[in-house]
Amino acid sequence: EQSQHAIVYAETGAVTEDAATGAQMLELQRGRRYAGDGRSPAYEVTEFGRYQIQLREQQVEQRRRKLSSLSTPLLLQEQSAEAAAEWHWRIAIPLSIPILTLIAVPLSRVNPRQGKFGRLLPALLLYLGYYALLIIGRSALEDGKIPPEAGMWWLHGSALLLGLFLIMRNRSSAQRLRAWAARRA
């Protein structure tokens, strides 16, 4: 079994990537391709104006890793669902800190009869649920199931409302508001 060897020479060339599949293609302009088995002096010579060959097909995860290494201004120039998901993820992590703090403050209050760790499990479950929803939201954005404009704002808004509800639940002003609403009903 003889293997075929090829040498390609071109004046210009560029590597392009198919956004849908991640396949990398080498596109050469104005050149020649020399092909042969290496044992005989006879080579097949082909002249071309344009020559294209697939280099490799990247996995989707490799493309996402490439997006995570881009600076934010370059990321914002990308027009793909994966780039939008990466941008929203970059915002989500710092934004989650004040939101989770807002939720943690009312959950840190415990009744002396409950003990020090009375609300630790609910707080832990809220944190894990929020983080899991962030991951699900990112995946849905990458897959195009959520429009980039909506992003993960709906999730942050819901968590913010939960935090405000938990803070207002035990405040005297919230008790007066509930009493006022009960009189109206």
N, C-alpha and C. Protein backbone atom coordinates (compact mmCIF):
# COMPACT_ATOMS: atom_id res chain seq x y z
N GLU A 1 0.84 -1.17 0.00
CA GLU A 1 0.00 0.00 0.00
C GLU A 1 0.89 1.24 0.00
N GLN A 2 0.74 2.05 -1.01
CA GLN A 2 1.57 3.25 -1.12
C GLN A 2 0.76 4.46 -0.68
N SER A 3 1.41 5.31 0.10
CA SER A 3 0.72 6.51 0.54
C SER A 3 1.02 7.65 -0.41
N GLN A 4 0.08 8.50 -0.57
CA GLN A 4 0.17 9.66 -1.45
C GLN A 4 0.64 10.86 -0.64
N HIS A 5 1.59 11.60 -1.11
CA HIS A 5 2.08 12.82 -0.47
C HIS A 5 1.76 13.99 -1.39
N ALA A 6 1.52 15.13 -0.77
CA ALA A 6 1.21 16.32 -1.56
C ALA A 6 1.91 17.53 -0.96
N ILE A 7 2.38 18.39 -1.84
CA ILE A 7 2.96 19.67 -1.46
C ILE A 7 2.17 20.73 -2.20
N VAL A 8 1.76 21.75 -1.45
CA VAL A 8 0.95 22.81 -2.04
C VAL A 8 1.67 24.13 -1.84
N TYR A 9 1.79 24.89 -2.92
CA TYR A 9 2.39 26.21 -2.88
C TYR A 9 1.35 27.19 -3.41
N ALA A 10 1.22 28.34 -2.73
CA ALA A 10 0.25 29.36 -3.17
C ALA A 10 0.80 30.74 -2.87
N GLU A 11 0.33 31.72 -3.64
CA GLU A 11 0.74 33.10 -3.42
C GLU A 11 0.15 33.67 -2.14
N THR A 12 -1.14 33.40 -1.89
CA THR A 12 -1.80 33.89 -0.68
C THR A 12 -2.65 32.79 -0.08
N GLY A 13 -2.97 32.96 1.18
CA GLY A 13 -3.81 31.99 1.86
C GLY A 13 -4.38 32.55 3.15
N ALA A 14 -5.45 31.94 3.62
CA ALA A 14 -6.09 32.36 4.87
C ALA A 14 -6.82 31.18 5.48
N VAL A 15 -6.91 31.19 6.80
CA VAL A 15 -7.68 30.17 7.52
C VAL A 15 -9.01 30.80 7.91
N THR A 16 -10.09 30.12 7.56
CA THR A 16 -11.42 30.60 7.92
C THR A 16 -12.10 29.54 8.78
N GLU A 17 -13.10 29.98 9.55
CA GLU A 17 -13.82 29.06 10.42
C GLU A 17 -15.30 29.16 10.13
N ASP A 18 -15.93 28.03 9.96
CA ASP A 18 -17.37 27.98 9.76
C ASP A 18 -18.03 28.15 11.13
N ALA A 19 -18.82 29.21 11.30
CA ALA A 19 -19.42 29.53 12.60
C ALA A 19 -20.39 28.44 13.06
N ALA A 20 -21.05 27.79 12.13
CA ALA A 20 -22.06 26.80 12.52
C ALA A 20 -21.44 25.50 13.00
N THR A 21 -20.42 25.01 12.30
CA THR A 21 -19.85 23.71 12.65
C THR A 21 -18.53 23.80 13.37
N GLY A 22 -17.84 24.94 13.26
CA GLY A 22 -16.53 25.07 13.89
C GLY A 22 -15.42 24.52 13.03
N ALA A 23 -15.73 24.09 11.82
CA ALA A 23 -14.71 23.54 10.93
C ALA A 23 -13.77 24.64 10.47
N GLN A 24 -12.47 24.36 10.51
CA GLN A 24 -11.48 25.32 10.03
C GLN A 24 -11.06 24.91 8.62
N MET A 25 -11.08 25.90 7.72
CA MET A 25 -10.75 25.66 6.32
C MET A 25 -9.54 26.50 5.94
N LEU A 26 -8.63 25.90 5.18
CA LEU A 26 -7.49 26.62 4.63
C LEU A 26 -7.85 26.95 3.19
N GLU A 27 -7.86 28.24 2.86
CA GLU A 27 -8.20 28.67 1.51
C GLU A 27 -6.97 29.33 0.91
N LEU A 28 -6.48 28.76 -0.21
CA LEU A 28 -5.29 29.26 -0.88
C LEU A 28 -5.67 29.84 -2.23
N GLN A 29 -4.91 30.84 -2.67
CA GLN A 29 -5.18 31.52 -3.95
C GLN A 29 -3.94 31.41 -4.85
N ARG A 30 -4.17 31.14 -6.10
CA ARG A 30 -3.15 31.14 -7.15
C ARG A 30 -1.91 30.33 -6.74
N GLY A 31 -1.93 29.06 -7.06
CA GLY A 31 -0.79 28.23 -6.69
C GLY A 31 -0.77 26.90 -7.43
N ARG A 32 0.05 25.98 -6.90
CA ARG A 32 0.21 24.65 -7.49
C ARG A 32 0.19 23.60 -6.40
N ARG A 33 -0.28 22.41 -6.79
CA ARG A 33 -0.29 21.25 -5.91
C ARG A 33 0.50 20.15 -6.59
N TYR A 34 1.53 19.67 -5.87
CA TYR A 34 2.36 18.57 -6.38
C TYR A 34 1.99 17.33 -5.57
N ALA A 35 1.58 16.25 -6.25
CA ALA A 35 1.16 15.03 -5.55
C ALA A 35 1.88 13.83 -6.16
N GLY A 36 2.30 12.92 -5.29
CA GLY A 36 2.97 11.70 -5.74
C GLY A 36 3.19 10.76 -4.58
N ASP A 37 3.74 9.57 -4.90
CA ASP A 37 3.94 8.59 -3.85
C ASP A 37 5.32 8.70 -3.17
N GLY A 38 6.18 9.53 -3.69
CA GLY A 38 7.49 9.74 -3.07
C GLY A 38 8.55 8.74 -3.52
N ARG A 39 8.16 7.69 -4.23
CA ARG A 39 9.13 6.66 -4.67
C ARG A 39 9.51 6.83 -6.14
N SER A 40 8.63 7.40 -6.89
CA SER A 40 8.93 7.58 -8.31
C SER A 40 9.07 9.08 -8.60
N PRO A 41 9.79 9.42 -9.64
CA PRO A 41 9.97 10.84 -9.97
C PRO A 41 8.73 11.47 -10.60
N ALA A 42 7.71 10.66 -10.90
CA ALA A 42 6.51 11.19 -11.53
C ALA A 42 5.59 11.81 -10.48
N TYR A 43 5.31 13.08 -10.67
CA TYR A 43 4.39 13.80 -9.78
C TYR A 43 3.27 14.39 -10.61
N GLU A 44 2.12 14.43 -10.01
CA GLU A 44 0.98 15.08 -10.64
C GLU A 44 1.00 16.54 -10.22
N VAL A 45 1.01 17.46 -11.19
CA VAL A 45 1.06 18.89 -10.90
C VAL A 45 -0.29 19.48 -11.30
N THR A 46 -0.89 20.17 -10.33
CA THR A 46 -2.19 20.81 -10.58
C THR A 46 -2.06 22.29 -10.25
N GLU A 47 -2.38 23.13 -11.22
CA GLU A 47 -2.40 24.57 -10.96
C GLU A 47 -3.83 24.97 -10.60
N PHE A 48 -3.93 25.93 -9.69
CA PHE A 48 -5.26 26.34 -9.26
C PHE A 48 -5.32 27.85 -9.04
N GLY A 49 -6.54 28.35 -9.14
CA GLY A 49 -6.81 29.75 -8.81
C GLY A 49 -7.25 29.86 -7.35
N ARG A 50 -8.03 28.85 -6.95
CA ARG A 50 -8.51 28.80 -5.56
C ARG A 50 -8.52 27.35 -5.13
N TYR A 51 -7.96 27.08 -3.95
CA TYR A 51 -7.86 25.73 -3.41
C TYR A 51 -8.30 25.78 -1.96
N GLN A 52 -9.22 24.91 -1.57
CA GLN A 52 -9.74 24.92 -0.21
C GLN A 52 -9.70 23.51 0.37
N ILE A 53 -9.22 23.42 1.62
CA ILE A 53 -9.14 22.12 2.29
C ILE A 53 -9.52 22.31 3.76
N GLN A 54 -10.22 21.31 4.29
CA GLN A 54 -10.61 21.38 5.70
C GLN A 54 -9.43 20.94 6.56
N LEU A 55 -9.07 21.80 7.52
CA LEU A 55 -7.96 21.50 8.41
C LEU A 55 -8.41 20.60 9.55
N ARG A 56 -9.40 21.07 10.31
CA ARG A 56 -9.93 20.27 11.40
C ARG A 56 -11.30 20.80 11.78
N GLU A 57 -12.04 19.97 12.42
CA GLU A 57 -13.36 20.36 12.90
C GLU A 57 -13.27 20.50 14.40
N GLN A 58 -13.52 21.71 14.89
CA GLN A 58 -13.46 21.95 16.33
C GLN A 58 -14.75 21.53 16.99
N GLN A 59 -14.62 21.07 18.19
CA GLN A 59 -15.80 20.80 18.99
C GLN A 59 -16.38 22.13 19.44
N VAL A 60 -17.67 22.14 19.75
CA VAL A 60 -18.33 23.37 20.18
C VAL A 60 -17.67 23.91 21.44
N GLU A 61 -17.26 23.05 22.35
CA GLU A 61 -16.65 23.50 23.60
C GLU A 61 -15.35 24.25 23.34
N GLN A 62 -14.58 23.84 22.34
CA GLN A 62 -13.34 24.55 22.01
C GLN A 62 -13.65 25.95 21.50
N ARG A 63 -14.72 26.12 20.74
CA ARG A 63 -15.10 27.45 20.27
C ARG A 63 -15.52 28.32 21.43
N ARG A 64 -16.24 27.73 22.39
CA ARG A 64 -16.68 28.50 23.56
C ARG A 64 -15.48 28.93 24.39
N ARG A 65 -14.48 28.05 24.50
CA ARG A 65 -13.27 28.41 25.23
C ARG A 65 -12.57 29.57 24.55
N LYS A 66 -12.61 29.59 23.23
CA LYS A 66 -11.99 30.67 22.49
C LYS A 66 -12.72 31.98 22.78
N LEU A 67 -14.04 31.94 22.89
CA LEU A 67 -14.81 33.14 23.20
C LEU A 67 -14.51 33.63 24.61
N SER A 68 -14.29 32.73 25.54
CA SER A 68 -14.02 33.16 26.91
C SER A 68 -12.67 33.85 27.04
N SER A 69 -11.80 33.67 26.08
CA SER A 69 -10.49 34.32 26.14
C SER A 69 -10.48 35.69 25.47
N LEU A 70 -11.57 36.05 24.78
CA LEU A 70 -11.64 37.36 24.12
C LEU A 70 -11.87 38.47 25.14
N SER A 71 -11.35 39.64 24.83
CA SER A 71 -11.64 40.81 25.67
C SER A 71 -13.10 41.19 25.46
N THR A 72 -13.67 41.92 26.39
CA THR A 72 -15.08 42.29 26.30
C THR A 72 -15.40 43.11 25.06
N PRO A 73 -14.59 44.13 24.68
CA PRO A 73 -14.92 44.85 23.44
C PRO A 73 -14.92 43.95 22.20
N LEU A 74 -13.98 43.01 22.12
CA LEU A 74 -13.96 42.09 20.98
C LEU A 74 -15.15 41.13 21.05
N LEU A 75 -15.51 40.71 22.26
CA LEU A 75 -16.65 39.82 22.42
C LEU A 75 -17.94 40.49 21.97
N LEU A 76 -18.08 41.78 22.25
CA LEU A 76 -19.29 42.50 21.86
C LEU A 76 -19.40 42.66 20.34
N GLN A 77 -18.28 42.56 19.63
CA GLN A 77 -18.30 42.65 18.17
C GLN A 77 -18.79 41.35 17.53
N GLU A 78 -18.66 40.25 18.25
CA GLU A 78 -19.12 38.95 17.74
C GLU A 78 -20.64 38.95 17.65
N GLN A 79 -21.17 38.38 16.60
CA GLN A 79 -22.61 38.34 16.40
C GLN A 79 -23.12 36.91 16.44
N SER A 80 -22.86 36.21 17.54
CA SER A 80 -23.33 34.84 17.66
C SER A 80 -24.02 34.65 19.00
N ALA A 81 -24.81 33.59 19.08
CA ALA A 81 -25.50 33.28 20.33
C ALA A 81 -24.50 32.93 21.43
N GLU A 82 -23.42 32.24 21.05
CA GLU A 82 -22.39 31.87 22.04
C GLU A 82 -21.72 33.11 22.62
N ALA A 83 -21.46 34.12 21.77
CA ALA A 83 -20.84 35.36 22.25
C ALA A 83 -21.78 36.12 23.18
N ALA A 84 -23.07 36.14 22.85
CA ALA A 84 -24.05 36.80 23.73
C ALA A 84 -24.12 36.09 25.07
N ALA A 85 -24.09 34.77 25.04
CA ALA A 85 -24.13 33.99 26.29
C ALA A 85 -22.89 34.26 27.14
N GLU A 86 -21.74 34.35 26.50
CA GLU A 86 -20.50 34.63 27.24
C GLU A 86 -20.56 36.02 27.86
N TRP A 87 -21.07 37.01 27.14
CA TRP A 87 -21.17 38.37 27.68
C TRP A 87 -22.12 38.41 28.88
N HIS A 88 -23.27 37.75 28.75
CA HIS A 88 -24.22 37.71 29.86
C HIS A 88 -23.64 36.97 31.06
N TRP A 89 -22.85 35.95 30.82
CA TRP A 89 -22.21 35.21 31.91
C TRP A 89 -21.20 36.09 32.64
N ARG A 90 -20.45 36.89 31.89
CA ARG A 90 -19.48 37.80 32.51
C ARG A 90 -20.18 38.82 33.41
N ILE A 91 -21.36 39.23 33.04
CA ILE A 91 -22.12 40.17 33.86
C ILE A 91 -22.77 39.45 35.04
N ALA A 92 -23.23 38.22 34.81
CA ALA A 92 -24.01 37.49 35.82
C ALA A 92 -23.23 37.24 37.10
N ILE A 93 -21.98 36.88 37.00
CA ILE A 93 -21.22 36.53 38.20
C ILE A 93 -21.05 37.74 39.13
N PRO A 94 -20.55 38.90 38.65
CA PRO A 94 -20.45 40.04 39.56
C PRO A 94 -21.82 40.56 40.04
N LEU A 95 -22.83 40.47 39.18
CA LEU A 95 -24.16 40.93 39.54
C LEU A 95 -24.80 40.04 40.60
N SER A 96 -24.44 38.78 40.61
CA SER A 96 -25.03 37.85 41.57
C SER A 96 -24.57 38.14 43.00
N ILE A 97 -23.42 38.77 43.18
CA ILE A 97 -22.91 39.02 44.53
C ILE A 97 -23.83 39.95 45.32
N PRO A 98 -24.19 41.15 44.82
CA PRO A 98 -25.11 41.97 45.62
C PRO A 98 -26.51 41.36 45.73
N ILE A 99 -26.94 40.64 44.71
CA ILE A 99 -28.27 40.03 44.77
C ILE A 99 -28.30 38.94 45.84
N LEU A 100 -27.28 38.09 45.87
CA LEU A 100 -27.23 37.04 46.88
C LEU A 100 -27.02 37.61 48.28
N THR A 101 -26.31 38.73 48.38
CA THR A 101 -26.16 39.40 49.66
C THR A 101 -27.50 39.92 50.14
N LEU A 102 -28.29 40.48 49.23
CA LEU A 102 -29.62 40.96 49.56
C LEU A 102 -30.50 39.83 50.08
N ILE A 103 -30.36 38.66 49.52
CA ILE A 103 -31.12 37.50 49.96
C ILE A 103 -30.57 36.96 51.28
N ALA A 104 -29.25 37.03 51.46
CA ALA A 104 -28.63 36.44 52.65
C ALA A 104 -28.94 37.21 53.92
N VAL A 105 -29.08 38.53 53.82
CA VAL A 105 -29.30 39.33 55.03
C VAL A 105 -30.57 38.91 55.77
N PRO A 106 -31.74 38.85 55.13
CA PRO A 106 -32.92 38.42 55.89
C PRO A 106 -32.86 36.95 56.33
N LEU A 107 -32.15 36.12 55.58
CA LEU A 107 -32.04 34.71 55.97
C LEU A 107 -31.05 34.51 57.12
N SER A 108 -30.25 35.52 57.42
CA SER A 108 -29.30 35.38 58.51
C SER A 108 -29.97 35.60 59.87
N ARG A 109 -31.12 36.21 59.86
CA ARG A 109 -31.88 36.39 61.11
C ARG A 109 -32.50 35.06 61.50
N VAL A 110 -32.22 34.64 62.72
CA VAL A 110 -32.81 33.38 63.18
C VAL A 110 -33.49 33.59 64.53
N ASN A 111 -34.48 32.82 64.76
CA ASN A 111 -35.15 32.77 66.04
C ASN A 111 -34.22 32.03 67.00
N PRO A 112 -34.05 32.52 68.23
CA PRO A 112 -33.16 31.81 69.16
C PRO A 112 -33.53 30.35 69.37
N ARG A 113 -34.77 30.02 69.18
CA ARG A 113 -35.19 28.62 69.33
C ARG A 113 -34.76 27.76 68.15
N GLN A 114 -34.47 28.39 67.02
CA GLN A 114 -34.04 27.64 65.83
C GLN A 114 -32.58 27.22 65.92
N GLY A 115 -31.80 27.94 66.64
CA GLY A 115 -30.37 27.66 66.67
C GLY A 115 -29.66 28.49 65.62
N LYS A 116 -28.33 28.45 65.66
CA LYS A 116 -27.53 29.28 64.75
C LYS A 116 -27.71 28.91 63.28
N PHE A 117 -27.95 27.65 63.02
CA PHE A 117 -27.97 27.18 61.64
C PHE A 117 -29.37 26.88 61.14
N GLY A 118 -30.37 27.52 61.76
CA GLY A 118 -31.77 27.24 61.42
C GLY A 118 -32.13 27.54 59.98
N ARG A 119 -31.52 28.56 59.40
CA ARG A 119 -31.87 28.93 58.02
C ARG A 119 -30.73 28.67 57.04
N LEU A 120 -29.76 27.92 57.46
CA LEU A 120 -28.63 27.64 56.59
C LEU A 120 -29.04 26.79 55.39
N LEU A 121 -29.84 25.77 55.62
CA LEU A 121 -30.26 24.91 54.51
C LEU A 121 -31.09 25.66 53.47
N PRO A 122 -32.10 26.47 53.88
CA PRO A 122 -32.82 27.24 52.85
C PRO A 122 -31.91 28.20 52.09
N ALA A 123 -30.98 28.84 52.80
CA ALA A 123 -30.07 29.77 52.13
C ALA A 123 -29.18 29.03 51.13
N LEU A 124 -28.69 27.87 51.53
CA LEU A 124 -27.85 27.07 50.65
C LEU A 124 -28.63 26.61 49.41
N LEU A 125 -29.87 26.19 49.62
CA LEU A 125 -30.70 25.75 48.50
C LEU A 125 -31.01 26.92 47.55
N LEU A 126 -31.26 28.11 48.11
CA LEU A 126 -31.49 29.28 47.24
C LEU A 126 -30.26 29.60 46.42
N TYR A 127 -29.08 29.56 47.05
CA TYR A 127 -27.84 29.85 46.33
C TYR A 127 -27.61 28.83 45.22
N LEU A 128 -27.74 27.55 45.55
CA LEU A 128 -27.51 26.51 44.54
C LEU A 128 -28.54 26.60 43.41
N GLY A 129 -29.79 26.90 43.77
CA GLY A 129 -30.83 27.04 42.74
C GLY A 129 -30.55 28.21 41.81
N TYR A 130 -30.13 29.34 42.39
CA TYR A 130 -29.80 30.52 41.59
C TYR A 130 -28.64 30.22 40.65
N TYR A 131 -27.59 29.60 41.19
CA TYR A 131 -26.43 29.28 40.36
C TYR A 131 -26.80 28.27 39.27
N ALA A 132 -27.60 27.27 39.61
CA ALA A 132 -28.02 26.28 38.60
C ALA A 132 -28.85 26.95 37.51
N LEU A 133 -29.72 27.88 37.89
CA LEU A 133 -30.51 28.60 36.88
C LEU A 133 -29.62 29.49 36.01
N LEU A 134 -28.56 30.05 36.58
CA LEU A 134 -27.61 30.82 35.76
C LEU A 134 -26.96 29.93 34.71
N ILE A 135 -26.57 28.74 35.10
CA ILE A 135 -25.94 27.80 34.16
C ILE A 135 -26.94 27.37 33.08
N ILE A 136 -28.16 27.09 33.49
CA ILE A 136 -29.20 26.72 32.52
C ILE A 136 -29.49 27.87 31.57
N GLY A 137 -29.55 29.09 32.12
CA GLY A 137 -29.79 30.27 31.28
C GLY A 137 -28.67 30.48 30.27
N ARG A 138 -27.44 30.27 30.70
CA ARG A 138 -26.30 30.41 29.78
C ARG A 138 -26.39 29.39 28.65
N SER A 139 -26.71 28.16 29.01
CA SER A 139 -26.83 27.11 28.00
C SER A 139 -27.97 27.41 27.03
N ALA A 140 -29.10 27.90 27.55
CA ALA A 140 -30.23 28.25 26.68
C ALA A 140 -29.87 29.40 25.75
N LEU A 141 -29.09 30.36 26.24
CA LEU A 141 -28.63 31.46 25.39
C LEU A 141 -27.71 30.95 24.29
N GLU A 142 -26.78 30.07 24.65
CA GLU A 142 -25.84 29.52 23.66
C GLU A 142 -26.57 28.75 22.57
N ASP A 143 -27.64 28.05 22.96
CA ASP A 143 -28.39 27.25 22.00
C ASP A 143 -29.42 28.08 21.23
N GLY A 144 -29.57 29.36 21.57
CA GLY A 144 -30.51 30.22 20.88
C GLY A 144 -31.95 30.05 21.33
N LYS A 145 -32.19 29.39 22.46
CA LYS A 145 -33.56 29.19 22.95
C LYS A 145 -34.09 30.44 23.64
N ILE A 146 -33.18 31.29 24.11
CA ILE A 146 -33.55 32.57 24.71
C ILE A 146 -32.94 33.66 23.83
N PRO A 147 -33.71 34.69 23.48
CA PRO A 147 -33.12 35.75 22.65
C PRO A 147 -32.03 36.50 23.43
N PRO A 148 -30.97 36.92 22.74
CA PRO A 148 -29.87 37.62 23.42
C PRO A 148 -30.31 38.88 24.15
N GLU A 149 -31.37 39.54 23.69
CA GLU A 149 -31.85 40.75 24.34
C GLU A 149 -32.39 40.44 25.74
N ALA A 150 -33.05 39.29 25.89
CA ALA A 150 -33.59 38.89 27.19
C ALA A 150 -32.47 38.43 28.10
N GLY A 151 -31.50 37.75 27.52
CA GLY A 151 -30.34 37.30 28.27
C GLY A 151 -30.71 36.60 29.55
N MET A 152 -30.02 36.95 30.62
CA MET A 152 -30.32 36.38 31.93
C MET A 152 -30.91 37.44 32.87
N TRP A 153 -31.40 38.55 32.27
CA TRP A 153 -31.97 39.62 33.09
C TRP A 153 -33.20 39.15 33.84
N TRP A 154 -33.98 38.29 33.23
CA TRP A 154 -35.18 37.77 33.88
C TRP A 154 -34.82 37.03 35.17
N LEU A 155 -33.72 36.34 35.16
CA LEU A 155 -33.29 35.58 36.33
C LEU A 155 -32.80 36.53 37.43
N HIS A 156 -32.00 37.52 37.05
CA HIS A 156 -31.52 38.49 38.04
C HIS A 156 -32.69 39.28 38.63
N GLY A 157 -33.63 39.66 37.79
CA GLY A 157 -34.80 40.39 38.27
C GLY A 157 -35.62 39.58 39.26
N SER A 158 -35.80 38.30 38.96
CA SER A 158 -36.56 37.43 39.88
C SER A 158 -35.84 37.29 41.21
N ALA A 159 -34.53 37.10 41.18
CA ALA A 159 -33.77 36.98 42.42
C ALA A 159 -33.79 38.29 43.20
N LEU A 160 -33.72 39.41 42.50
CA LEU A 160 -33.78 40.71 43.16
C LEU A 160 -35.14 40.90 43.84
N LEU A 161 -36.22 40.55 43.17
CA LEU A 161 -37.55 40.65 43.76
C LEU A 161 -37.68 39.74 44.98
N LEU A 162 -37.10 38.55 44.91
CA LEU A 162 -37.12 37.65 46.05
C LEU A 162 -36.38 38.26 47.24
N GLY A 163 -35.22 38.84 46.96
CA GLY A 163 -34.46 39.49 48.02
C GLY A 163 -35.22 40.65 48.64
N LEU A 164 -35.85 41.48 47.83
CA LEU A 164 -36.64 42.59 48.35
C LEU A 164 -37.84 42.10 49.16
N PHE A 165 -38.47 41.03 48.68
CA PHE A 165 -39.59 40.44 49.42
C PHE A 165 -39.13 39.94 50.78
N LEU A 166 -38.00 39.25 50.82
CA LEU A 166 -37.50 38.72 52.10
C LEU A 166 -37.14 39.84 53.07
N ILE A 167 -36.59 40.93 52.58
CA ILE A 167 -36.24 42.05 53.44
C ILE A 167 -37.50 42.75 53.95
N MET A 168 -38.46 42.96 53.07
CA MET A 168 -39.67 43.68 53.45
C MET A 168 -40.62 42.83 54.30
N ARG A 169 -40.47 41.56 54.29
CA ARG A 169 -41.40 40.67 54.99
C ARG A 169 -41.44 40.95 56.48
N ASN A 170 -40.31 41.24 57.09
CA ASN A 170 -40.27 41.44 58.53
C ASN A 170 -40.17 42.90 58.94
N ARG A 171 -40.23 43.83 58.04
CA ARG A 171 -40.14 45.25 58.37
C ARG A 171 -41.49 45.76 58.84
N SER A 172 -41.45 46.76 59.70
CA SER A 172 -42.70 47.33 60.21
C SER A 172 -43.47 48.01 59.09
N SER A 173 -42.75 48.62 58.14
CA SER A 173 -43.44 49.27 57.02
C SER A 173 -44.17 48.23 56.17
N ALA A 174 -43.58 47.06 56.02
CA ALA A 174 -44.25 46.00 55.26
C ALA A 174 -45.46 45.48 56.02
N GLN A 175 -45.38 45.44 57.36
CA GLN A 175 -46.52 45.00 58.15
C GLN A 175 -47.66 46.01 58.04
N ARG A 176 -47.32 47.29 58.03
CA ARG A 176 -48.36 48.32 57.85
C ARG A 176 -48.99 48.21 56.46
N LEU A 177 -48.16 47.93 55.44
CA LEU A 177 -48.68 47.78 54.08
C LEU A 177 -49.62 46.59 54.00
N ARG A 178 -49.26 45.48 54.64
CA ARG A 178 -50.15 44.31 54.65
C ARG A 178 -51.45 44.61 55.37
N ALA A 179 -51.37 45.33 56.48
CA ALA A 179 -52.57 45.70 57.24
C ALA A 179 -53.48 46.60 56.40
N TRP A 180 -52.88 47.54 55.68
CA TRP A 180 -53.63 48.43 54.82
C TRP A 180 -54.32 47.63 53.70
N ALA A 181 -53.57 46.68 53.10
CA ALA A 181 -54.14 45.86 52.02
C ALA A 181 -55.26 44.96 52.56
N ALA A 182 -55.12 44.49 53.80
CA ALA A 182 -56.17 43.64 54.38
C ALA A 182 -57.45 44.43 54.64
N ARG A 183 -57.31 45.70 55.05
CA ARG A 183 -58.49 46.54 55.27
C ARG A 183 -59.21 46.82 53.96
N ARG A 184 -58.43 46.95 52.86
CA ARG A 184 -59.02 47.24 51.54
C ARG A 184 -59.78 46.03 50.98
N ALA A 185 -59.36 44.86 51.35
CA ALA A 185 -59.95 43.64 50.76
C ALA A 185 -61.25 43.26 51.37
